[in-house]
Amino acid sequence: MVSERESITAKLCAFVRAWHSNRSREKIFDDYLAFDFMGREEYDSIYGIIRSGFGGLQEFSREDTEQIINEYIAPIPLSRIHFNEVRLADFAEENGEIQYVICGAGSDTFSFRNTNENITVFEIDHPDTQRYKLEKIRELEWNIPENVHFVPVDFEKERMCGKLIEAGFDPSKKTFFSILGVSYYLTLDVFADTLRQMSELSSLGSEVVFDYPIKTGDFPRRVERLEMITESLGEVMRGGFDYNEVSRALYSLGFQIDTYMPPEKVQSEYFDGRADGMRAFENVSLISATFTAGYNYE
């Protein structure tokens, strides 16, 4: 069965998108379907988890809970999905018919917000996580578009390459891959293996987008606090990567970085001047890279 870590992570991200869409006047990203997908009961349940200090004995006030959401929970998911979907839209406009592979799709609602019929979507997730999502879709009586494919993959036992091909993926077509919120919990070798599978599936000009935590730096208390929060939910962060490590891994697989946003750039792009004080995390970077060549194993 899906672990508690996986289900809570997906629900937290969905909650943040719903919260921000419903309550913020200064929207970084408007996921107007997130609340509908969650439903009131699940939304209130996640709010309760946050208000209780993520399972602690205390109960925060409404004002303190909102501060926790804005300070710890919202900045990373909102900035990375904005970064991802703006680049996806540009990629689709430039290339016409494309494929979009969402790795660890969770409660992502793009498949139902998308109005571009030239984008064929492949949602990849653990079989139990995906089963939960499909049950929610049936309960909501949402119609799954013909250009959307759900691909269950147990990464401990299966490679996504074969599963995607079985689901109708065409390696000759340009593809946009997103892998958001995953690198925090993996070693570089394991994360690079996922990138390697993407490179095996990529035609020239395909693109990958991901976020990652920086390994070292003089970070403020809230970075440590976020790590404590995720650990309390059963999800242990692995410490992050150096930019040079990430760039070498991408280059060795035929990817060239075309956009790199370190924390200060994320701050200026998405958070400067906000009235609510929400700000970028000091250790999180965003990257998009284009597949330009075959493997370079040296």
Foldseek 3Di string as FASTA:
>chain_A
DDDLLLQLVLLLLLLLLCCQQPPPPQALDHPPCSDVLCDPVNSVVNLQCQQCVNPHNDGHDPVVSVVCCLAQRHQQSSLQVSVQVVVVVVLCVVAPQEEEEEASCQQPDCQVVDPRPSYQYEYEDAPVSVVVSVVSCVVSVPDGDPSYHYFHDDVVVDDVLVRCVVRPQDLQGAYEYEYEPPQQQDDLVVVLVNVLSVLVSHDFFHKYKYKWFAQDDDFDPSVVVNQVSSVSSVGHTDRIYHPVSVQVSQVQAQKDWDDKAQQVNSFVVRPPPDPVPRGGGNGMMMTMIGRHDHGRND
